[in-house]
Amino acid sequence: MPYSIPTDAYCWVPTSSLQTPLCPKWGKNRSFLKNNVLLTQAGPHVPYSESKTSEFYNQALATYNQVKNNTSEEVEIAMYWSDDPFNTCTPTGHTFNILAQILKEENATLAKTTVGLAKMSIAENDAFIACWKGKYDYVLLRPITYIQKHIDPSFTTLLGTPPFPTYTSGHSCEMGAGSRILTSLFTNGSGNYLFTDYSQLQYGFFARSYSNFDKMADECANSRLYGGIHFPMDNSKGLQVGKAIGDNVNKDIKWPSVN
């Protein structure tokens, strides 16, 4: 059955005539872990409002001001983590490239490599199902739609706006989950791991370094704000969902001990 887009004021609308809703039923897929989707949902977003004194307006204003005042590094970060299909390796591909790079750098055993790939596959799968369930449960409009109507009709985004609702951020969900898997594999319980991501060199970017995987996930999430395509709450709640899913994958499956 074709998906019918709701028409309430708060609802997502395509931002170009070429857009159709992407995978509106994806959130109904079965997760690898039982209840890893239902029990990790972000909950409702900030109540929709067009009042200039509302928290929702402030969310939109934060996105607007960020785009207007992006530094050169923030522009670089937005482009680095964009991972658009057919241009780079996609968000999930980027995360797997990081995992593969570190496994190779550490000369990981076959057992550790197998567990690492299995953990990441389960976490990424469940993260995107959970994210898409939230997106089409709430069907919230994108910042550009709200900002052009209520703040600045001439507003444009740094990144192209994707063809699906905004809440929560897919990049934040998947990298939140991925960061928990990477932390479990490589930090020996300390949470710290200094590494450099070289995976984007092939696409013309410089390498980027991080002191731990949470900081990497934070940067990935913030990149969507810098790009103008998400409200701040989309990113913070997306990270929350993703990290919960990653934690569940780490603790709810009896993984073999590997070094």
C-alpha atoms as a PDB file:
ATOM      1  CA  MET A   1       0.000   0.000   0.000  1.00  0.00           C
ATOM      2  CA  PRO A   2       1.452   3.416  -0.956  1.00  0.00           C
ATOM      3  CA  TYR A   3       2.437   5.661   1.928  1.00  0.00           C
ATOM      4  CA  SER A   4       0.190   8.681   2.450  1.00  0.00           C
ATOM      5  CA  ILE A   5       1.973  11.689   3.983  1.00  0.00           C
ATOM      6  CA  PRO A   6      -0.013  13.307   6.830  1.00  0.00           C
ATOM      7  CA  THR A   7      -0.884  16.966   6.303  1.00  0.00           C
ATOM      8  CA  ASP A   8      -0.790  18.462   9.818  1.00  0.00           C
ATOM      9  CA  ALA A   9       1.249  21.644  10.274  1.00  0.00           C
ATOM     10  CA  TYR A  10       4.067  19.809  12.053  1.00  0.00           C
ATOM     11  CA  CYS A  11       4.387  17.083   9.433  1.00  0.00           C
ATOM     12  CA  TRP A  12       7.223  16.442   7.048  1.00  0.00           C
ATOM     13  CA  VAL A  13       6.795  17.459   3.433  1.00  0.00           C
ATOM     14  CA  PRO A  14       9.152  16.714   0.531  1.00  0.00           C
ATOM     15  CA  THR A  15      11.587  19.574   0.012  1.00  0.00           C
ATOM     16  CA  SER A  16      11.732  19.126  -3.754  1.00  0.00           C
ATOM     17  CA  SER A  17       9.384  17.866  -6.445  1.00  0.00           C
ATOM     18  CA  LEU A  18      11.649  14.849  -6.961  1.00  0.00           C
ATOM     19  CA  GLN A  19      11.380  13.536  -3.413  1.00  0.00           C
ATOM     20  CA  THR A  20       9.217  10.647  -2.277  1.00  0.00           C
ATOM     21  CA  PRO A  21       9.257   9.224   1.283  1.00  0.00           C
ATOM     22  CA  LEU A  22      12.189   6.841   1.649  1.00  0.00           C
ATOM     23  CA  CYS A  23      11.393   3.446   3.206  1.00  0.00           C
ATOM     24  CA  PRO A  24       8.358   4.508   5.283  1.00  0.00           C
ATOM     25  CA  LYS A  25       7.768   0.910   6.444  1.00  0.00           C
ATOM     26  CA  TRP A  26      11.386   0.184   7.427  1.00  0.00           C
ATOM     27  CA  GLY A  27      10.611   0.669  11.112  1.00  0.00           C
ATOM     28  CA  LYS A  28       8.333  -2.377  10.975  1.00  0.00           C
ATOM     29  CA  ASN A  29      11.205  -4.746  10.184  1.00  0.00           C
ATOM     30  CA  ARG A  30      12.171  -7.344  12.769  1.00  0.00           C
ATOM     31  CA  SER A  31      15.221  -6.481  14.827  1.00  0.00           C
ATOM     32  CA  PHE A  32      17.958  -9.003  15.589  1.00  0.00           C
ATOM     33  CA  LEU A  33      17.483  -8.475  19.325  1.00  0.00           C
ATOM     34  CA  LYS A  34      13.968  -8.831  20.695  1.00  0.00           C
ATOM     35  CA  ASN A  35      12.582  -5.449  21.794  1.00  0.00           C
ATOM     36  CA  ASN A  36      15.755  -3.634  20.702  1.00  0.00           C
ATOM     37  CA  VAL A  37      13.520  -1.270  18.748  1.00  0.00           C
ATOM     38  CA  LEU A  38      10.513  -0.847  21.036  1.00  0.00           C
ATOM     39  CA  LEU A  39      12.491  -0.370  24.259  1.00  0.00           C
ATOM     40  CA  THR A  40      14.988   2.140  22.867  1.00  0.00           C
ATOM     41  CA  GLN A  41      12.660   4.694  21.296  1.00  0.00           C
ATOM     42  CA  ALA A  42      13.476   8.355  21.936  1.00  0.00           C
ATOM     43  CA  GLY A  43       9.967   9.356  22.938  1.00  0.00           C
ATOM     44  CA  PRO A  44       8.155  12.490  21.756  1.00  0.00           C
ATOM     45  CA  HIS A  45      10.014  15.464  20.367  1.00  0.00           C
ATOM     46  CA  VAL A  46       9.655  18.995  21.726  1.00  0.00           C
ATOM     47  CA  PRO A  47       5.993  19.982  21.206  1.00  0.00           C
ATOM     48  CA  TYR A  48       5.456  21.634  17.843  1.00  0.00           C
ATOM     49  CA  SER A  49       4.773  25.346  18.046  1.00  0.00           C
ATOM     50  CA  GLU A  50       5.001  28.390  15.812  1.00  0.00           C
ATOM     51  CA  SER A  51       5.303  30.789  18.745  1.00  0.00           C
ATOM     52  CA  LYS A  52       8.580  32.698  18.900  1.00  0.00           C
ATOM     53  CA  THR A  53       8.734  32.027  22.639  1.00  0.00           C
ATOM     54  CA  SER A  54       8.436  28.249  22.271  1.00  0.00           C
ATOM     55  CA  GLU A  55      11.117  25.620  22.693  1.00  0.00           C
ATOM     56  CA  PHE A  56      10.378  24.321  19.207  1.00  0.00           C
ATOM     57  CA  TYR A  57      11.033  27.733  17.674  1.00  0.00           C
ATOM     58  CA  ASN A  58      14.315  27.838  19.593  1.00  0.00           C
ATOM     59  CA  GLN A  59      15.276  24.480  18.120  1.00  0.00           C
ATOM     60  CA  ALA A  60      14.748  25.871  14.636  1.00  0.00           C
ATOM     61  CA  LEU A  61      16.541  29.098  15.509  1.00  0.00           C
ATOM     62  CA  ALA A  62      19.536  27.111  16.749  1.00  0.00           C
ATOM     63  CA  THR A  63      19.785  25.342  13.394  1.00  0.00           C
ATOM     64  CA  TYR A  64      19.365  28.611  11.523  1.00  0.00           C
ATOM     65  CA  ASN A  65      22.030  30.426  13.540  1.00  0.00           C
ATOM     66  CA  GLN A  66      24.431  27.508  13.280  1.00  0.00           C
ATOM     67  CA  VAL A  67      24.266  27.429   9.488  1.00  0.00           C
ATOM     68  CA  LYS A  68      24.647  31.202   9.279  1.00  0.00           C
ATOM     69  CA  ASN A  69      27.738  31.109  11.513  1.00  0.00           C
ATOM     70  CA  ASN A  70      29.466  27.871  10.554  1.00  0.00           C
ATOM     71  CA  THR A  71      33.245  27.996  10.822  1.00  0.00           C
ATOM     72  CA  SER A  72      35.385  26.531   8.049  1.00  0.00           C
ATOM     73  CA  GLU A  73      36.055  23.493  10.247  1.00  0.00           C
ATOM     74  CA  GLU A  74      32.328  22.981  10.874  1.00  0.00           C
ATOM     75  CA  VAL A  75      31.709  23.063   7.130  1.00  0.00           C
ATOM     76  CA  GLU A  76      34.472  20.474   6.710  1.00  0.00           C
ATOM     77  CA  ILE A  77      32.906  18.301   9.432  1.00  0.00           C
ATOM     78  CA  ALA A  78      29.473  18.504   7.793  1.00  0.00           C
ATOM     79  CA  MET A  79      30.891  17.366   4.477  1.00  0.00           C
ATOM     80  CA  TYR A  80      33.141  14.731   6.061  1.00  0.00           C
ATOM     81  CA  TRP A  81      30.266  12.904   7.742  1.00  0.00           C
ATOM     82  CA  SER A  82      27.658  13.490   5.040  1.00  0.00           C
ATOM     83  CA  ASP A  83      28.345  10.078   3.470  1.00  0.00           C
ATOM     84  CA  ASP A  84      25.751  10.489   0.753  1.00  0.00           C
ATOM     85  CA  PRO A  85      24.915   7.316  -1.191  1.00  0.00           C
ATOM     86  CA  PHE A  86      26.649   7.115  -4.583  1.00  0.00           C
ATOM     87  CA  ASN A  87      29.135   9.820  -3.494  1.00  0.00           C
ATOM     88  CA  THR A  88      30.954   8.123  -0.605  1.00  0.00           C
ATOM     89  CA  CYS A  89      30.473   4.920   1.362  1.00  0.00           C
ATOM     90  CA  THR A  90      27.158   5.728   3.146  1.00  0.00           C
ATOM     91  CA  PRO A  91      26.945   6.282   6.930  1.00  0.00           C
ATOM     92  CA  THR A  92      27.023   2.571   7.734  1.00  0.00           C
ATOM     93  CA  GLY A  93      29.826   1.989   5.254  1.00  0.00           C
ATOM     94  CA  HIS A  94      31.854   4.733   6.937  1.00  0.00           C
ATOM     95  CA  THR A  95      31.386   3.071  10.322  1.00  0.00           C
ATOM     96  CA  PHE A  96      32.389  -0.340   8.981  1.00  0.00           C
ATOM     97  CA  ASN A  97      35.439   1.202   7.305  1.00  0.00           C
ATOM     98  CA  ILE A  98      36.531   2.588  10.681  1.00  0.00           C
ATOM     99  CA  LEU A  99      36.046  -0.825  12.292  1.00  0.00           C
ATOM    100  CA  ALA A 100      37.986  -2.557   9.509  1.00  0.00           C
ATOM    101  CA  GLN A 101      40.801  -0.021   9.706  1.00  0.00           C
ATOM    102  CA  ILE A 102      41.278  -0.474  13.452  1.00  0.00           C
ATOM    103  CA  LEU A 103      41.062  -4.267  13.244  1.00  0.00           C
ATOM    104  CA  LYS A 104      43.821  -4.164  10.641  1.00  0.00           C
ATOM    105  CA  GLU A 105      45.948  -1.698  12.629  1.00  0.00           C
ATOM    106  CA  GLU A 106      45.680  -3.916  15.713  1.00  0.00           C
ATOM    107  CA  ASN A 107      46.437  -7.056  13.727  1.00  0.00           C
ATOM    108  CA  ALA A 108      43.275  -8.500  15.263  1.00  0.00           C
ATOM    109  CA  THR A 109      42.741 -12.238  15.462  1.00  0.00           C
ATOM    110  CA  LEU A 110      40.182 -13.949  13.268  1.00  0.00           C
ATOM    111  CA  ALA A 111      38.015 -14.480  16.357  1.00  0.00           C
ATOM    112  CA  LYS A 112      38.043 -10.797  17.315  1.00  0.00           C
ATOM    113  CA  THR A 113      37.410  -9.739  13.729  1.00  0.00           C
ATOM    114  CA  THR A 114      34.448 -12.101  13.480  1.00  0.00           C
ATOM    115  CA  VAL A 115      32.921 -10.908  16.748  1.00  0.00           C
ATOM    116  CA  GLY A 116      33.523  -7.277  15.805  1.00  0.00           C
ATOM    117  CA  LEU A 117      31.814  -7.599  12.442  1.00  0.00           C
ATOM    118  CA  ALA A 118      28.913  -9.546  13.945  1.00  0.00           C
ATOM    119  CA  LYS A 119      28.373  -7.011  16.728  1.00  0.00           C
ATOM    120  CA  MET A 120      28.512  -4.072  14.346  1.00  0.00           C
ATOM    121  CA  SER A 121      26.157  -5.694  11.840  1.00  0.00           C
ATOM    122  CA  ILE A 122      23.521  -6.382  14.489  1.00  0.00           C
ATOM    123  CA  ALA A 123      23.843  -2.928  16.046  1.00  0.00           C
ATOM    124  CA  GLU A 124      23.657  -1.051  12.738  1.00  0.00           C
ATOM    125  CA  ASN A 125      20.674  -3.075  11.558  1.00  0.00           C
ATOM    126  CA  ASP A 126      18.697  -2.536  14.749  1.00  0.00           C
ATOM    127  CA  ALA A 127      19.686   1.141  14.951  1.00  0.00           C
ATOM    128  CA  PHE A 128      18.255   1.955  11.546  1.00  0.00           C
ATOM    129  CA  ILE A 129      15.043   0.048  12.221  1.00  0.00           C
ATOM    130  CA  ALA A 130      14.597   1.921  15.510  1.00  0.00           C
ATOM    131  CA  CYS A 131      15.402   5.238  13.882  1.00  0.00           C
ATOM    132  CA  TRP A 132      12.985   4.731  11.002  1.00  0.00           C
ATOM    133  CA  LYS A 133      10.226   3.666  13.364  1.00  0.00           C
ATOM    134  CA  GLY A 134      10.586   6.990  15.168  1.00  0.00           C
ATOM    135  CA  LYS A 135      10.803   8.976  11.960  1.00  0.00           C
ATOM    136  CA  TYR A 136       7.498   7.698  10.629  1.00  0.00           C
ATOM    137  CA  ASP A 137       5.760   7.533  14.002  1.00  0.00           C
ATOM    138  CA  TYR A 138       6.299  11.287  14.480  1.00  0.00           C
ATOM    139  CA  VAL A 139       6.623  12.394  10.823  1.00  0.00           C
ATOM    140  CA  LEU A 140       8.227  15.675  11.899  1.00  0.00           C
ATOM    141  CA  LEU A 141       9.055  18.341   9.342  1.00  0.00           C
ATOM    142  CA  ARG A 142      12.623  19.268   8.433  1.00  0.00           C
ATOM    143  CA  PRO A 143      14.241  22.488   9.685  1.00  0.00           C
ATOM    144  CA  ILE A 144      14.275  24.080   6.228  1.00  0.00           C
ATOM    145  CA  THR A 145      10.486  23.836   5.968  1.00  0.00           C
ATOM    146  CA  TYR A 146       9.919  25.481   9.349  1.00  0.00           C
ATOM    147  CA  ILE A 147      12.678  28.084   9.011  1.00  0.00           C
ATOM    148  CA  GLN A 148      11.606  29.266   5.568  1.00  0.00           C
ATOM    149  CA  LYS A 149       8.032  29.675   6.794  1.00  0.00           C
ATOM    150  CA  HIS A 150       8.635  31.216  10.219  1.00  0.00           C
ATOM    151  CA  ILE A 151      12.160  32.680  10.376  1.00  0.00           C
ATOM    152  CA  ASP A 152      13.772  33.415   7.002  1.00  0.00           C
ATOM    153  CA  PRO A 153      12.217  32.607   3.601  1.00  0.00           C
ATOM    154  CA  SER A 154      15.651  32.754   1.956  1.00  0.00           C
ATOM    155  CA  PHE A 155      17.249  30.139   4.220  1.00  0.00           C
ATOM    156  CA  THR A 156      19.209  27.385   2.504  1.00  0.00           C
ATOM    157  CA  THR A 157      21.010  24.392   3.968  1.00  0.00           C
ATOM    158  CA  LEU A 158      24.645  23.446   3.558  1.00  0.00           C
ATOM    159  CA  LEU A 159      23.734  19.815   2.869  1.00  0.00           C
ATOM    160  CA  GLY A 160      20.883  18.496   0.795  1.00  0.00           C
ATOM    161  CA  THR A 161      17.797  17.661   2.854  1.00  0.00           C
ATOM    162  CA  PRO A 162      17.035  13.907   2.750  1.00  0.00           C
ATOM    163  CA  PRO A 163      13.653  12.503   1.638  1.00  0.00           C
ATOM    164  CA  PHE A 164      12.274  11.447   5.015  1.00  0.00           C
ATOM    165  CA  PRO A 165      11.188  13.010   8.338  1.00  0.00           C
ATOM    166  CA  THR A 166      13.733  14.607  10.649  1.00  0.00           C
ATOM    167  CA  TYR A 167      13.242  13.044  14.108  1.00  0.00           C
ATOM    168  CA  THR A 168      15.545  11.368  14.989  1.00  0.00           C
ATOM    169  CA  SER A 169      18.796  11.651  13.019  1.00  0.00           C
ATOM    170  CA  GLY A 170      19.825   8.482  11.214  1.00  0.00           C
ATOM    171  CA  HIS A 171      23.506   9.401  11.328  1.00  0.00           C
ATOM    172  CA  SER A 172      23.285   9.952  15.087  1.00  0.00           C
ATOM    173  CA  CYS A 173      21.459   6.670  15.690  1.00  0.00           C
ATOM    174  CA  GLU A 174      23.835   4.547  13.671  1.00  0.00           C
ATOM    175  CA  MET A 175      27.019   6.184  14.950  1.00  0.00           C
ATOM    176  CA  GLY A 176      25.729   6.103  18.522  1.00  0.00           C
ATOM    177  CA  ALA A 177      25.299   2.345  18.144  1.00  0.00           C
ATOM    178  CA  GLY A 178      28.612   1.971  16.344  1.00  0.00           C
ATOM    179  CA  SER A 179      30.506   3.929  18.986  1.00  0.00           C
ATOM    180  CA  ARG A 180      29.339   1.533  21.699  1.00  0.00           C
ATOM    181  CA  ILE A 181      30.487  -1.471  19.697  1.00  0.00           C
ATOM    182  CA  LEU A 182      33.881   0.086  18.981  1.00  0.00           C
ATOM    183  CA  THR A 183      34.270   1.017  22.652  1.00  0.00           C
ATOM    184  CA  SER A 184      33.534  -2.556  23.735  1.00  0.00           C
ATOM    185  CA  LEU A 185      36.051  -3.983  21.281  1.00  0.00           C
ATOM    186  CA  PHE A 186      39.044  -1.719  21.714  1.00  0.00           C
ATOM    187  CA  THR A 187      39.147   0.255  24.985  1.00  0.00           C
ATOM    188  CA  ASN A 188      39.569  -2.514  27.591  1.00  0.00           C
ATOM    189  CA  GLY A 189      36.907  -0.858  29.725  1.00  0.00           C
ATOM    190  CA  SER A 190      38.633   2.533  29.923  1.00  0.00           C
ATOM    191  CA  GLY A 191      36.488   4.255  27.305  1.00  0.00           C
ATOM    192  CA  ASN A 192      39.589   5.914  25.842  1.00  0.00           C
ATOM    193  CA  TYR A 193      41.116   5.098  22.486  1.00  0.00           C
ATOM    194  CA  LEU A 194      43.195   7.530  20.453  1.00  0.00           C
ATOM    195  CA  PHE A 195      42.741   6.865  16.751  1.00  0.00           C
ATOM    196  CA  THR A 196      42.716   8.539  13.362  1.00  0.00           C
ATOM    197  CA  ASP A 197      40.054   7.886  10.734  1.00  0.00           C
ATOM    198  CA  TYR A 198      41.709   7.563   7.320  1.00  0.00           C
ATOM    199  CA  SER A 199      38.664   6.117   5.567  1.00  0.00           C
ATOM    200  CA  GLN A 200      37.692   9.317   3.776  1.00  0.00           C
ATOM    201  CA  LEU A 201      41.072  10.039   2.180  1.00  0.00           C
ATOM    202  CA  GLN A 202      39.894   8.289  -0.974  1.00  0.00           C
ATOM    203  CA  TYR A 203      37.128  10.888  -1.289  1.00  0.00           C
ATOM    204  CA  GLY A 204      39.430  13.888  -0.971  1.00  0.00           C
ATOM    205  CA  PHE A 205      39.074  14.592   2.767  1.00  0.00           C
ATOM    206  CA  PHE A 206      41.807  14.953   5.357  1.00  0.00           C
ATOM    207  CA  ALA A 207      42.082  12.345   8.109  1.00  0.00           C
ATOM    208  CA  ARG A 208      40.431  13.194  11.424  1.00  0.00           C
ATOM    209  CA  SER A 209      41.600  12.131  14.905  1.00  0.00           C
ATOM    210  CA  TYR A 210      39.673  11.443  18.122  1.00  0.00           C
ATOM    211  CA  SER A 211      40.516  10.585  21.720  1.00  0.00           C
ATOM    212  CA  ASN A 212      37.589   8.169  22.070  1.00  0.00           C
ATOM    213  CA  PHE A 213      34.638   6.811  20.144  1.00  0.00           C
ATOM    214  CA  ASP A 214      32.054   8.926  21.983  1.00  0.00           C
ATOM    215  CA  LYS A 215      33.749  12.093  20.716  1.00  0.00           C
ATOM    216  CA  MET A 216      33.652  10.696  17.207  1.00  0.00           C
ATOM    217  CA  ALA A 217      29.920   9.970  17.576  1.00  0.00           C
ATOM    218  CA  ASP A 218      29.290  13.469  18.934  1.00  0.00           C
ATOM    219  CA  GLU A 219      31.070  15.008  15.958  1.00  0.00           C
ATOM    220  CA  CYS A 220      29.105  12.881  13.513  1.00  0.00           C
ATOM    221  CA  ALA A 221      25.827  13.910  15.182  1.00  0.00           C
ATOM    222  CA  ASN A 222      26.771  17.589  15.244  1.00  0.00           C
ATOM    223  CA  SER A 223      27.656  17.444  11.558  1.00  0.00           C
ATOM    224  CA  ARG A 224      23.952  17.204  10.741  1.00  0.00           C
ATOM    225  CA  LEU A 225      23.299  20.432  12.642  1.00  0.00           C
ATOM    226  CA  TYR A 226      26.157  22.146  10.801  1.00  0.00           C
ATOM    227  CA  GLY A 227      24.595  20.937   7.570  1.00  0.00           C
ATOM    228  CA  GLY A 228      21.274  22.562   8.481  1.00  0.00           C
ATOM    229  CA  ILE A 229      19.211  19.427   7.997  1.00  0.00           C
ATOM    230  CA  HIS A 230      18.420  18.564  11.629  1.00  0.00           C
ATOM    231  CA  PHE A 231      17.213  20.223  14.797  1.00  0.00           C
ATOM    232  CA  PRO A 232      19.560  19.792  17.797  1.00  0.00           C
ATOM    233  CA  MET A 233      17.062  17.428  19.449  1.00  0.00           C
ATOM    234  CA  ASP A 234      17.184  15.092  16.436  1.00  0.00           C
ATOM    235  CA  ASN A 235      20.878  14.536  17.031  1.00  0.00           C
ATOM    236  CA  SER A 236      20.914  14.266  20.827  1.00  0.00           C
ATOM    237  CA  LYS A 237      17.967  11.877  20.876  1.00  0.00           C
ATOM    238  CA  GLY A 238      19.401   9.915  17.970  1.00  0.00           C
ATOM    239  CA  LEU A 239      22.627   9.363  19.873  1.00  0.00           C
ATOM    240  CA  GLN A 240      20.587   8.260  22.890  1.00  0.00           C
ATOM    241  CA  VAL A 241      18.716   5.656  20.849  1.00  0.00           C
ATOM    242  CA  GLY A 242      21.819   4.383  19.092  1.00  0.00           C
ATOM    243  CA  LYS A 243      23.896   4.058  22.246  1.00  0.00           C
ATOM    244  CA  ALA A 244      21.107   2.147  23.984  1.00  0.00           C
ATOM    245  CA  ILE A 245      20.961  -0.262  21.055  1.00  0.00           C
ATOM    246  CA  GLY A 246      24.725  -0.727  21.015  1.00  0.00           C
ATOM    247  CA  ASP A 247      24.745  -1.363  24.757  1.00  0.00           C
ATOM    248  CA  ASN A 248      22.042  -3.996  24.341  1.00  0.00           C
ATOM    249  CA  VAL A 249      24.019  -5.760  21.629  1.00  0.00           C
ATOM    250  CA  ASN A 250      27.074  -5.839  23.888  1.00  0.00           C
ATOM    251  CA  LYS A 251      25.295  -7.186  26.973  1.00  0.00           C
ATOM    252  CA  ASP A 252      22.293  -9.199  25.783  1.00  0.00           C
ATOM    253  CA  ILE A 253      24.161 -11.609  23.524  1.00  0.00           C
ATOM    254  CA  LYS A 254      26.602 -14.091  25.045  1.00  0.00           C
ATOM    255  CA  TRP A 255      29.687 -13.163  23.060  1.00  0.00           C
ATOM    256  CA  PRO A 256      32.844 -15.294  23.277  1.00  0.00           C
ATOM    257  CA  SER A 257      35.813 -13.704  25.010  1.00  0.00           C
ATOM    258  CA  VAL A 258      38.278 -12.524  22.351  1.00  0.00           C
ATOM    259  CA  ASN A 259      41.575 -10.666  22.381  1.00  0.00           C
END
